[in-house]
C-alpha atoms as a PDB file:
ATOM      1  CA  UNK A   1     137.035 197.753 143.606  1.00  0.00           C
ATOM      2  CA  UNK A   2     135.472 197.357 140.355  1.00  0.00           C
ATOM      3  CA  UNK A   3     131.971 195.879 139.575  1.00  0.00           C
ATOM      4  CA  UNK A   4     130.650 195.204 135.901  1.00  0.00           C
ATOM      5  CA  UNK A   5     126.556 194.461 134.602  1.00  0.00           C
ATOM      6  CA  UNK A   6     128.379 191.948 131.622  1.00  0.00           C
ATOM      7  CA  UNK A   7     126.584 188.701 130.875  1.00  0.00           C
ATOM      8  CA  UNK A   8     128.370 185.575 132.269  1.00  0.00           C
ATOM      9  CA  UNK A   9     129.957 183.520 129.714  1.00  0.00           C
ATOM     10  CA  UNK A  10     128.895 180.134 131.126  1.00  0.00           C
ATOM     11  CA  UNK A  11     125.412 179.233 129.108  1.00  0.00           C
ATOM     12  CA  UNK A  12     122.944 178.271 131.652  1.00  0.00           C
ATOM     13  CA  UNK A  13     120.777 174.452 131.261  1.00  0.00           C
ATOM     14  CA  UNK A  14     118.067 174.331 128.899  1.00  0.00           C
ATOM     15  CA  UNK A  15     116.746 170.708 131.172  1.00  0.00           C
ATOM     16  CA  UNK A  16     113.160 170.744 129.936  1.00  0.00           C
ATOM     17  CA  UNK A  17     114.277 170.723 126.494  1.00  0.00           C
ATOM     18  CA  UNK A  18     116.031 167.692 126.479  1.00  0.00           C
ATOM     19  CA  UNK A  19     113.926 165.729 127.941  1.00  0.00           C
ATOM     20  CA  UNK A  20     111.005 166.519 126.068  1.00  0.00           C
ATOM     21  CA  UNK A  21     112.989 165.484 122.691  1.00  0.00           C
ATOM     22  CA  UNK A  22     114.073 162.211 124.384  1.00  0.00           C
ATOM     23  CA  UNK A  23     110.570 161.257 124.850  1.00  0.00           C
ATOM     24  CA  UNK A  24     109.976 161.646 121.526  1.00  0.00           C
ATOM     25  CA  UNK A  25     112.752 159.853 119.713  1.00  0.00           C
ATOM     26  CA  UNK A  26     111.302 157.607 122.436  1.00  0.00           C
ATOM     27  CA  UNK A  27     108.012 157.596 121.450  1.00  0.00           C
ATOM     28  CA  UNK A  28     109.241 157.445 117.905  1.00  0.00           C
ATOM     29  CA  UNK A  29     111.189 154.000 118.331  1.00  0.00           C
ATOM     30  CA  UNK A  30     108.298 152.137 120.151  1.00  0.00           C
ATOM     31  CA  UNK A  31     105.906 152.609 117.514  1.00  0.00           C
ATOM     32  CA  UNK A  32     108.501 151.500 114.750  1.00  0.00           C
ATOM     33  CA  UNK A  33     108.952 148.389 116.787  1.00  0.00           C
ATOM     34  CA  UNK A  34     105.350 147.726 117.413  1.00  0.00           C
ATOM     35  CA  UNK A  35     104.649 147.903 113.679  1.00  0.00           C
ATOM     36  CA  UNK A  36     107.696 145.617 113.091  1.00  0.00           C
ATOM     37  CA  UNK A  37     106.260 143.203 115.300  1.00  0.00           C
ATOM     38  CA  UNK A  38     102.884 143.494 113.677  1.00  0.00           C
ATOM     39  CA  UNK A  39     104.502 142.746 110.315  1.00  0.00           C
ATOM     40  CA  UNK A  40     106.698 140.003 111.426  1.00  0.00           C
ATOM     41  CA  UNK A  41     102.821 138.239 113.156  1.00  0.00           C
ATOM     42  CA  UNK A  42     101.372 138.896 109.962  1.00  0.00           C
ATOM     43  CA  UNK A  43     104.265 137.047 108.112  1.00  0.00           C
ATOM     44  CA  UNK A  44     104.347 134.493 110.524  1.00  0.00           C
ATOM     45  CA  UNK A  45     100.511 133.488 109.996  1.00  0.00           C
ATOM     46  CA  UNK A  46     100.308 133.768 106.261  1.00  0.00           C
ATOM     47  CA  UNK A  47     103.529 131.221 106.379  1.00  0.00           C
ATOM     48  CA  UNK A  48     101.765 128.760 109.315  1.00  0.00           C
ATOM     49  CA  UNK A  49      98.768 129.230 107.517  1.00  0.00           C
ATOM     50  CA  UNK A  50     100.528 128.610 103.914  1.00  0.00           C
ATOM     51  CA  UNK A  51     102.312 124.952 105.234  1.00  0.00           C
ATOM     52  CA  UNK A  52      99.344 123.968 107.095  1.00  0.00           C
ATOM     53  CA  UNK A  53      97.476 124.169 103.470  1.00  0.00           C
ATOM     54  CA  UNK A  54     100.632 121.995 102.116  1.00  0.00           C
ATOM     55  CA  UNK A  55     100.808 119.273 105.305  1.00  0.00           C
ATOM     56  CA  UNK A  56      96.877 118.502 104.100  1.00  0.00           C
ATOM     57  CA  UNK A  57      97.771 118.173 100.701  1.00  0.00           C
ATOM     58  CA  UNK A  58     100.550 115.805 101.266  1.00  0.00           C
ATOM     59  CA  UNK A  59      98.608 113.737 103.657  1.00  0.00           C
ATOM     60  CA  UNK A  60      95.631 113.728 101.377  1.00  0.00           C
ATOM     61  CA  UNK A  61      97.681 112.700  98.608  1.00  0.00           C
ATOM     62  CA  UNK A  62      99.463 109.775 100.840  1.00  0.00           C
ATOM     63  CA  UNK A  63      96.301 108.771 101.444  1.00  0.00           C
ATOM     64  CA  UNK A  64      94.979 108.169  98.115  1.00  0.00           C
ATOM     65  CA  UNK A  65      99.054 106.806  97.536  1.00  0.00           C
ATOM     66  CA  UNK A  66      98.624 104.627 100.631  1.00  0.00           C
ATOM     67  CA  UNK A  67      94.631 102.985  99.180  1.00  0.00           C
ATOM     68  CA  UNK A  68      96.191 102.399  95.869  1.00  0.00           C
ATOM     69  CA  UNK A  69      98.968 100.357  96.705  1.00  0.00           C
ATOM     70  CA  UNK A  70      96.653  98.634  99.595  1.00  0.00           C
ATOM     71  CA  UNK A  71      94.564  97.504  96.384  1.00  0.00           C
ATOM     72  CA  UNK A  72      96.775  96.621  94.163  1.00  0.00           C
ATOM     73  CA  UNK A  73      98.527  94.122  97.293  1.00  0.00           C
ATOM     74  CA  UNK A  74      95.281  92.320  97.574  1.00  0.00           C
ATOM     75  CA  UNK A  75      95.222  92.031  94.053  1.00  0.00           C
ATOM     76  CA  UNK A  76      98.986  90.605  93.904  1.00  0.00           C
ATOM     77  CA  UNK A  77      97.906  88.131  97.355  1.00  0.00           C
ATOM     78  CA  UNK A  78      94.500  87.188  95.199  1.00  0.00           C
ATOM     79  CA  UNK A  79      96.651  86.015  92.242  1.00  0.00           C
ATOM     80  CA  UNK A  80      99.026  83.985  94.581  1.00  0.00           C
ATOM     81  CA  UNK A  81      96.260  82.066  96.144  1.00  0.00           C
ATOM     82  CA  UNK A  82      94.277  81.235  92.996  1.00  0.00           C
ATOM     83  CA  UNK A  83      97.640  79.096  92.420  1.00  0.00           C
ATOM     84  CA  UNK A  84      98.222  77.330  95.209  1.00  0.00           C
ATOM     85  CA  UNK A  85      96.977  73.798  95.136  1.00  0.00           C
ATOM     86  CA  UNK A  86      97.355  73.517  90.967  1.00  0.00           C
ATOM     87  CA  UNK A  87     100.825  71.935  90.330  1.00  0.00           C
ATOM     88  CA  UNK A  88     102.951  70.053  92.509  1.00  0.00           C
ATOM     89  CA  UNK A  89     106.303  71.856  90.609  1.00  0.00           C
ATOM     90  CA  UNK A  90     104.209  74.807  91.109  1.00  0.00           C
ATOM     91  CA  UNK A  91     103.740  74.007  94.724  1.00  0.00           C
ATOM     92  CA  UNK A  92     107.104  73.169  94.796  1.00  0.00           C
ATOM     93  CA  UNK A  93     108.403  76.976  93.600  1.00  0.00           C
ATOM     94  CA  UNK A  94     106.005  78.613  95.882  1.00  0.00           C
ATOM     95  CA  UNK A  95     107.085  76.765  99.261  1.00  0.00           C
ATOM     96  CA  UNK A  96     110.586  77.706  97.932  1.00  0.00           C
ATOM     97  CA  UNK A  97     110.156  81.280  97.611  1.00  0.00           C
ATOM     98  CA  UNK A  98     108.004  81.696 100.730  1.00  0.00           C
ATOM     99  CA  UNK A  99     110.671  83.288 103.024  1.00  0.00           C
ATOM    100  CA  UNK A 100     110.907  85.668 100.486  1.00  0.00           C
ATOM    101  CA  UNK A 101     107.460  86.561  99.223  1.00  0.00           C
ATOM    102  CA  UNK A 102     106.333  86.549 103.636  1.00  0.00           C
ATOM    103  CA  UNK A 103     109.410  89.282 103.893  1.00  0.00           C
ATOM    104  CA  UNK A 104     107.920  91.044 101.048  1.00  0.00           C
ATOM    105  CA  UNK A 105     104.542  91.062 101.532  1.00  0.00           C
ATOM    106  CA  UNK A 106     105.396  92.377 105.747  1.00  0.00           C
ATOM    107  CA  UNK A 107     107.201  94.868 104.436  1.00  0.00           C
ATOM    108  CA  UNK A 108     104.823  96.608 102.468  1.00  0.00           C
ATOM    109  CA  UNK A 109     102.395  95.754 105.193  1.00  0.00           C
ATOM    110  CA  UNK A 110     104.284  97.824 107.208  1.00  0.00           C
ATOM    111  CA  UNK A 111     104.872 100.979 104.725  1.00  0.00           C
ATOM    112  CA  UNK A 112     100.655 100.862 104.191  1.00  0.00           C
ATOM    113  CA  UNK A 113     100.261 100.978 108.168  1.00  0.00           C
ATOM    114  CA  UNK A 114     102.356 103.700 108.455  1.00  0.00           C
ATOM    115  CA  UNK A 115     100.692 106.331 109.915  1.00  0.00           C
ATOM    116  CA  UNK A 116     103.163 109.218 108.276  1.00  0.00           C
ATOM    117  CA  UNK A 117     104.830 107.114 105.335  1.00  0.00           C
ATOM    118  CA  UNK A 118     106.936 108.971 103.552  1.00  0.00           C
ATOM    119  CA  UNK A 119     107.095 109.660  99.231  1.00  0.00           C
ATOM    120  CA  UNK A 120     110.303 106.802  99.624  1.00  0.00           C
ATOM    121  CA  UNK A 121     108.599 104.264 101.373  1.00  0.00           C
ATOM    122  CA  UNK A 122     105.072 104.608  99.868  1.00  0.00           C
ATOM    123  CA  UNK A 123     107.327 104.061  96.479  1.00  0.00           C
ATOM    124  CA  UNK A 124     109.686 101.372  97.995  1.00  0.00           C
ATOM    125  CA  UNK A 125     105.973  99.218  98.495  1.00  0.00           C
ATOM    126  CA  UNK A 126     105.330  99.497  94.738  1.00  0.00           C
ATOM    127  CA  UNK A 127     108.740  98.585  94.315  1.00  0.00           C
ATOM    128  CA  UNK A 128     107.999  95.364  96.068  1.00  0.00           C
ATOM    129  CA  UNK A 129     104.484  94.621  94.636  1.00  0.00           C
ATOM    130  CA  UNK A 130     105.902  95.223  91.127  1.00  0.00           C
ATOM    131  CA  UNK A 131     108.384  92.430  91.983  1.00  0.00           C
ATOM    132  CA  UNK A 132     105.841  90.839  92.772  1.00  0.00           C
ATOM    133  CA  UNK A 133     103.876  90.761  90.202  1.00  0.00           C
ATOM    134  CA  UNK A 134     107.251  90.255  88.336  1.00  0.00           C
ATOM    135  CA  UNK A 135     107.340  86.366  90.375  1.00  0.00           C
ATOM    136  CA  UNK A 136     103.492  86.504  90.212  1.00  0.00           C
ATOM    137  CA  UNK A 137     104.037  86.318  85.985  1.00  0.00           C
ATOM    138  CA  UNK A 138     107.201  83.871  86.163  1.00  0.00           C
ATOM    139  CA  UNK A 139     105.046  81.234  88.076  1.00  0.00           C
ATOM    140  CA  UNK A 140     102.207  82.164  85.316  1.00  0.00           C
ATOM    141  CA  UNK A 141     104.889  81.421  82.544  1.00  0.00           C
ATOM    142  CA  UNK A 142     105.912  77.624  84.312  1.00  0.00           C
ATOM    143  CA  UNK A 143     102.119  77.077  83.945  1.00  0.00           C
ATOM    144  CA  UNK A 144     102.264  77.184  80.972  1.00  0.00           C
ATOM    145  CA  UNK A 145     105.447  75.018  80.568  1.00  0.00           C
ATOM    146  CA  UNK A 146     103.766  72.395  82.324  1.00  0.00           C
ATOM    147  CA  UNK A 147     100.834  72.285  80.377  1.00  0.00           C
ATOM    148  CA  UNK A 148     101.130  69.436  78.449  1.00  0.00           C
ATOM    149  CA  UNK A 149     102.191  67.101  81.629  1.00  0.00           C
ATOM    150  CA  UNK A 150      98.493  68.670  83.216  1.00  0.00           C
ATOM    151  CA  UNK A 151      95.836  68.678  81.306  1.00  0.00           C
ATOM    152  CA  UNK A 152      93.760  69.674  84.348  1.00  0.00           C
ATOM    153  CA  UNK A 153      96.096  72.671  85.043  1.00  0.00           C
ATOM    154  CA  UNK A 154      95.933  74.396  81.423  1.00  0.00           C
ATOM    155  CA  UNK A 155      91.852  74.008  82.091  1.00  0.00           C
ATOM    156  CA  UNK A 156      92.103  75.729  85.498  1.00  0.00           C
ATOM    157  CA  UNK A 157      94.689  78.068  83.848  1.00  0.00           C
ATOM    158  CA  UNK A 158      92.848  79.521  81.385  1.00  0.00           C
ATOM    159  CA  UNK A 159      89.583  80.027  83.828  1.00  0.00           C
ATOM    160  CA  UNK A 160      91.940  81.836  86.132  1.00  0.00           C
ATOM    161  CA  UNK A 161      93.095  83.921  83.006  1.00  0.00           C
ATOM    162  CA  UNK A 162      89.174  84.705  81.478  1.00  0.00           C
ATOM    163  CA  UNK A 163      88.321  85.800  84.896  1.00  0.00           C
ATOM    164  CA  UNK A 164      91.053  88.151  85.454  1.00  0.00           C
ATOM    165  CA  UNK A 165      90.840  89.726  82.267  1.00  0.00           C
ATOM    166  CA  UNK A 166      86.782  90.194  82.882  1.00  0.00           C
ATOM    167  CA  UNK A 167      87.591  91.737  86.184  1.00  0.00           C
ATOM    168  CA  UNK A 168      90.154  94.098  84.867  1.00  0.00           C
ATOM    169  CA  UNK A 169      87.702  95.140  82.244  1.00  0.00           C
ATOM    170  CA  UNK A 170      85.083  95.876  84.532  1.00  0.00           C
ATOM    171  CA  UNK A 171      87.292  97.892  86.458  1.00  0.00           C
ATOM    172  CA  UNK A 172      88.177  99.825  83.798  1.00  0.00           C
ATOM    173  CA  UNK A 173      84.971 100.547  82.400  1.00  0.00           C
ATOM    174  CA  UNK A 174      83.647 101.736  85.419  1.00  0.00           C
ATOM    175  CA  UNK A 175      87.067 102.675  87.575  1.00  0.00           C
ATOM    176  CA  UNK A 176      86.288 101.226  90.360  1.00  0.00           C
ATOM    177  CA  UNK A 177      89.857 101.451  91.078  1.00  0.00           C
ATOM    178  CA  UNK A 178      90.107 104.984  91.566  1.00  0.00           C
ATOM    179  CA  UNK A 179      86.125 105.903  92.725  1.00  0.00           C
ATOM    180  CA  UNK A 180      86.664 103.210  95.454  1.00  0.00           C
ATOM    181  CA  UNK A 181      89.793 103.224  96.870  1.00  0.00           C
ATOM    182  CA  UNK A 182      88.496 103.206 100.546  1.00  0.00           C
ATOM    183  CA  UNK A 183      85.433 100.822  99.800  1.00  0.00           C
ATOM    184  CA  UNK A 184      88.601  98.259  98.271  1.00  0.00           C
ATOM    185  CA  UNK A 185      91.217  98.929 101.154  1.00  0.00           C
ATOM    186  CA  UNK A 186      88.584  98.057 103.806  1.00  0.00           C
ATOM    187  CA  UNK A 187      87.728  94.568 102.337  1.00  0.00           C
ATOM    188  CA  UNK A 188      89.411  91.534 103.969  1.00  0.00           C
ATOM    189  CA  UNK A 189      91.664  89.190 102.639  1.00  0.00           C
ATOM    190  CA  UNK A 190      92.014  85.257 103.323  1.00  0.00           C
ATOM    191  CA  UNK A 191      95.138  83.365 103.448  1.00  0.00           C
ATOM    192  CA  UNK A 192      96.977  80.332 103.976  1.00  0.00           C
ATOM    193  CA  UNK A 193      93.527  78.546 102.699  1.00  0.00           C
ATOM    194  CA  UNK A 194      93.032  75.055 103.459  1.00  0.00           C
ATOM    195  CA  UNK A 195      90.787  72.417 101.843  1.00  0.00           C
ATOM    196  CA  UNK A 196      89.498  68.450 102.958  1.00  0.00           C
ATOM    197  CA  UNK A 197      87.194  66.421 102.638  1.00  0.00           C
ATOM    198  CA  UNK A 198      85.626  64.146 106.285  1.00  0.00           C
ATOM    199  CA  UNK A 199      84.169  61.427 106.921  1.00  0.00           C
ATOM    200  CA  UNK A 200      82.184  62.307 110.111  1.00  0.00           C
ATOM    201  CA  UNK A 201      80.843  59.436 112.246  1.00  0.00           C
ATOM    202  CA  UNK A 202      77.607  59.790 113.996  1.00  0.00           C
ATOM    203  CA  UNK A 203      79.656  59.133 117.059  1.00  0.00           C
ATOM    204  CA  UNK A 204      81.318  62.549 116.237  1.00  0.00           C
ATOM    205  CA  UNK A 205      84.722  61.360 115.170  1.00  0.00           C
ATOM    206  CA  UNK A 206      85.817  62.351 112.231  1.00  0.00           C
ATOM    207  CA  UNK A 207      88.772  61.394 109.810  1.00  0.00           C
ATOM    208  CA  UNK A 208      89.734  63.266 106.497  1.00  0.00           C
ATOM    209  CA  UNK A 209      89.785  61.228 103.423  1.00  0.00           C
ATOM    210  CA  UNK A 210      89.924  61.359  99.344  1.00  0.00           C
ATOM    211  CA  UNK A 211      86.981  59.484  98.989  1.00  0.00           C
ATOM    212  CA  UNK A 212      84.082  60.697  97.219  1.00  0.00           C
ATOM    213  CA  UNK A 213      82.121  57.703  98.615  1.00  0.00           C
ATOM    214  CA  UNK A 214      83.012  58.051 101.985  1.00  0.00           C
ATOM    215  CA  UNK A 215      83.105  62.101 102.259  1.00  0.00           C
ATOM    216  CA  UNK A 216      79.908  63.670 104.326  1.00  0.00           C
ATOM    217  CA  UNK A 217      81.504  66.905 104.640  1.00  0.00           C
ATOM    218  CA  UNK A 218      83.990  69.745 103.407  1.00  0.00           C
ATOM    219  CA  UNK A 219      86.289  71.912 105.656  1.00  0.00           C
ATOM    220  CA  UNK A 220      87.365  75.586 104.344  1.00  0.00           C
ATOM    221  CA  UNK A 221      89.975  76.317 106.888  1.00  0.00           C
ATOM    222  CA  UNK A 222      91.871  80.079 106.799  1.00  0.00           C
ATOM    223  CA  UNK A 223      92.745  83.152 108.018  1.00  0.00           C
ATOM    224  CA  UNK A 224      91.480  87.126 107.400  1.00  0.00           C
ATOM    225  CA  UNK A 225      94.983  88.812 107.248  1.00  0.00           C
ATOM    226  CA  UNK A 226      95.084  92.218 109.633  1.00  0.00           C
ATOM    227  CA  UNK A 227      93.693  95.193 108.069  1.00  0.00           C
ATOM    228  CA  UNK A 228      93.838  98.534 109.256  1.00  0.00           C
ATOM    229  CA  UNK A 229      91.152 100.459 107.259  1.00  0.00           C
ATOM    230  CA  UNK A 230      88.303  98.190 107.825  1.00  0.00           C
ATOM    231  CA  UNK A 231      86.060  98.540 110.921  1.00  0.00           C
ATOM    232  CA  UNK A 232      85.778  96.512 113.889  1.00  0.00           C
ATOM    233  CA  UNK A 233      82.781  94.169 113.727  1.00  0.00           C
ATOM    234  CA  UNK A 234      80.561  91.729 112.697  1.00  0.00           C
ATOM    235  CA  UNK A 235      81.700  90.901 108.885  1.00  0.00           C
ATOM    236  CA  UNK A 236      79.666  88.796 106.564  1.00  0.00           C
ATOM    237  CA  UNK A 237      81.891  86.015 104.192  1.00  0.00           C
ATOM    238  CA  UNK A 238      80.214  84.190 101.255  1.00  0.00           C
ATOM    239  CA  UNK A 239      81.402  80.320 100.871  1.00  0.00           C
ATOM    240  CA  UNK A 240      80.777  79.146  97.162  1.00  0.00           C
ATOM    241  CA  UNK A 241      81.751  76.050  96.148  1.00  0.00           C
ATOM    242  CA  UNK A 242      81.487  74.629  92.566  1.00  0.00           C
ATOM    243  CA  UNK A 243      80.860  70.835  91.829  1.00  0.00           C
ATOM    244  CA  UNK A 244      82.950  68.600  89.402  1.00  0.00           C
ATOM    245  CA  UNK A 245      80.323  69.449  86.901  1.00  0.00           C
ATOM    246  CA  UNK A 246      80.350  73.479  87.402  1.00  0.00           C
ATOM    247  CA  UNK A 247      77.433  74.262  88.536  1.00  0.00           C
ATOM    248  CA  UNK A 248      77.108  76.176  91.962  1.00  0.00           C
ATOM    249  CA  UNK A 249      76.183  73.758  95.255  1.00  0.00           C
ATOM    250  CA  UNK A 250      72.600  75.689  96.755  1.00  0.00           C
ATOM    251  CA  UNK A 251      70.767  74.251  99.219  1.00  0.00           C
ATOM    252  CA  UNK A 252      68.547  76.500 100.302  1.00  0.00           C
ATOM    253  CA  UNK A 253      67.569  74.792 102.957  1.00  0.00           C
ATOM    254  CA  UNK A 254      70.747  74.032 104.501  1.00  0.00           C
ATOM    255  CA  UNK A 255      71.026  77.850 104.083  1.00  0.00           C
ATOM    256  CA  UNK A 256      72.682  78.409 100.628  1.00  0.00           C
ATOM    257  CA  UNK A 257      71.359  81.846  98.493  1.00  0.00           C
ATOM    258  CA  UNK A 258      72.833  84.891  96.202  1.00  0.00           C
ATOM    259  CA  UNK A 259      74.415  87.752  96.981  1.00  0.00           C
ATOM    260  CA  UNK A 260      75.793  90.658  94.699  1.00  0.00           C
ATOM    261  CA  UNK A 261      79.559  90.753  93.571  1.00  0.00           C
ATOM    262  CA  UNK A 262      81.112  93.793  92.164  1.00  0.00           C
ATOM    263  CA  UNK A 263      82.210  92.524  89.313  1.00  0.00           C
ATOM    264  CA  UNK A 264      79.790  89.749  87.975  1.00  0.00           C
ATOM    265  CA  UNK A 265      76.429  90.955  90.020  1.00  0.00           C
ATOM    266  CA  UNK A 266      74.585  88.301  91.681  1.00  0.00           C
ATOM    267  CA  UNK A 267      75.812  84.862  92.219  1.00  0.00           C
ATOM    268  CA  UNK A 268      75.197  81.799  94.587  1.00  0.00           C
ATOM    269  CA  UNK A 269      76.746  80.967  97.565  1.00  0.00           C
ATOM    270  CA  UNK A 270      76.819  77.748  99.610  1.00  0.00           C
ATOM    271  CA  UNK A 271      77.053  78.951 103.177  1.00  0.00           C
ATOM    272  CA  UNK A 272      77.396  82.425 104.966  1.00  0.00           C
ATOM    273  CA  UNK A 273      79.690  82.590 107.664  1.00  0.00           C
ATOM    274  CA  UNK A 274      79.360  86.399 109.658  1.00  0.00           C
ATOM    275  CA  UNK A 275      82.192  86.815 112.011  1.00  0.00           C
ATOM    276  CA  UNK A 276      83.570  89.130 114.561  1.00  0.00           C
ATOM    277  CA  UNK A 277      86.407  91.030 113.511  1.00  0.00           C
ATOM    278  CA  UNK A 278      88.691  93.262 115.472  1.00  0.00           C
ATOM    279  CA  UNK A 279      90.690  96.196 113.309  1.00  0.00           C
ATOM    280  CA  UNK A 280      94.299  95.314 112.288  1.00  0.00           C
ATOM    281  CA  UNK A 281      94.042  91.776 113.719  1.00  0.00           C
ATOM    282  CA  UNK A 282      94.651  88.125 112.351  1.00  0.00           C
ATOM    283  CA  UNK A 283      91.620  86.070 112.375  1.00  0.00           C
ATOM    284  CA  UNK A 284      91.444  82.403 112.160  1.00  0.00           C
ATOM    285  CA  UNK A 285      88.258  80.703 110.189  1.00  0.00           C
ATOM    286  CA  UNK A 286      86.620  77.432 109.853  1.00  0.00           C
ATOM    287  CA  UNK A 287      83.706  76.345 107.348  1.00  0.00           C
ATOM    288  CA  UNK A 288      82.367  73.256 107.440  1.00  0.00           C
ATOM    289  CA  UNK A 289      79.435  72.610 104.835  1.00  0.00           C
ATOM    290  CA  UNK A 290      77.398  69.120 105.114  1.00  0.00           C
ATOM    291  CA  UNK A 291      75.003  68.474 102.072  1.00  0.00           C
ATOM    292  CA  UNK A 292      71.853  66.663 102.205  1.00  0.00           C
ATOM    293  CA  UNK A 293      73.241  64.452  99.204  1.00  0.00           C
ATOM    294  CA  UNK A 294      76.569  62.745  98.270  1.00  0.00           C
ATOM    295  CA  UNK A 295      79.934  63.998  96.781  1.00  0.00           C
ATOM    296  CA  UNK A 296      80.824  63.029  93.455  1.00  0.00           C
ATOM    297  CA  UNK A 297      83.728  62.212  91.803  1.00  0.00           C
ATOM    298  CA  UNK A 298      86.029  64.903  90.124  1.00  0.00           C
ATOM    299  CA  UNK A 299      86.941  68.204  91.690  1.00  0.00           C
ATOM    300  CA  UNK A 300      85.381  70.452  94.265  1.00  0.00           C
ATOM    301  CA  UNK A 301      85.943  74.822  93.731  1.00  0.00           C
ATOM    302  CA  UNK A 302      85.534  76.545  96.716  1.00  0.00           C
ATOM    303  CA  UNK A 303      85.913  80.544  96.296  1.00  0.00           C
ATOM    304  CA  UNK A 304      85.499  83.293  99.525  1.00  0.00           C
ATOM    305  CA  UNK A 305      83.943  86.757  98.953  1.00  0.00           C
ATOM    306  CA  UNK A 306      83.799  89.815 101.349  1.00  0.00           C
ATOM    307  CA  UNK A 307      82.315  93.065 100.745  1.00  0.00           C
ATOM    308  CA  UNK A 308      81.409  91.870  97.065  1.00  0.00           C
ATOM    309  CA  UNK A 309      85.183  91.064  96.070  1.00  0.00           C
ATOM    310  CA  UNK A 310      86.063  87.660  95.883  1.00  0.00           C
ATOM    311  CA  UNK A 311      89.496  87.476  98.733  1.00  0.00           C
ATOM    312  CA  UNK A 312      90.176  83.535  98.176  1.00  0.00           C
ATOM    313  CA  UNK A 313      90.490  80.453  96.530  1.00  0.00           C
ATOM    314  CA  UNK A 314      91.325  77.052  96.374  1.00  0.00           C
ATOM    315  CA  UNK A 315      90.160  73.443  95.546  1.00  0.00           C
ATOM    316  CA  UNK A 316      90.212  69.799  96.329  1.00  0.00           C
ATOM    317  CA  UNK A 317      89.638  66.716  94.363  1.00  0.00           C
ATOM    318  CA  UNK A 318      87.864  63.423  95.327  1.00  0.00           C
ATOM    319  CA  UNK A 319      88.200  60.369  93.775  1.00  0.00           C
ATOM    320  CA  UNK A 320      85.674  57.459  92.974  1.00  0.00           C
ATOM    321  CA  UNK A 321      86.479  55.444  96.157  1.00  0.00           C
ATOM    322  CA  UNK A 322      85.530  51.743  96.896  1.00  0.00           C
ATOM    323  CA  UNK A 323      87.746  48.619  95.491  1.00  0.00           C
ATOM    324  CA  UNK A 324      88.869  49.857  92.239  1.00  0.00           C
ATOM    325  CA  UNK A 325      89.138  53.785  93.492  1.00  0.00           C
END
């Protein structure tokens, strides 16, 4: 039997050293992953902050655009209202185009009152207002064409043009449109204006009349259109009546007085009406004026004001009355 002291060819395992190397690798990979996670969080937070800033800027720009569109829309509506009742042929044109105009106004209102209107929708509203103003310009051209048939129409058109130019000049000089968009947007608008004279009897019965001799009351009815910018609450309306001689009707004993307009300063009002308006709703309004003197023959002009702005206008004519009236 032979014995050998030579070392064995089979290597002995070194288990503890391998475990230590694996642990170091795991720590390294974990540290890299943690650093990557924090880098992603910082990048994502920065991106979210940037997107929030962009969104706030877009919302501010959209609100400003909507206020500007609302003001342009109010001006177009006021121009339309001022044309009503001036000429039978013009009234016929307005009635014929009523469905189209109503549709355009409804779409514009829908876009203005949409909470998150897109830039494309705001551009559509501006285009519709431009179309509406184009139609109004066409009506004004028709008034010019018919002035030879109606001298009264020509005089009224000249007055409206003068008022429009004066308001526009004042707006441009003080930059009211730019600096008071919210204030303008909260101003109410009157539509469907109807004015009539009545013969009211002592027993309470009343009858509509066109005779100055029989008339003892003027009734003005209209509706305040929905406005989602104006806050709910009491709103003051000022009704200004001008007699056929061009003199504002004012009887202090019957509640007349003065108020301040945005374009011409202090103005005489005939009667003041306070109404409870609910934001975003339509409100019908009726105002009756009974004066302590007789009505004259001729045209009575009525203007409606809110928040210092004229929001509607109209007129009614009374004949002399009597056997030969």
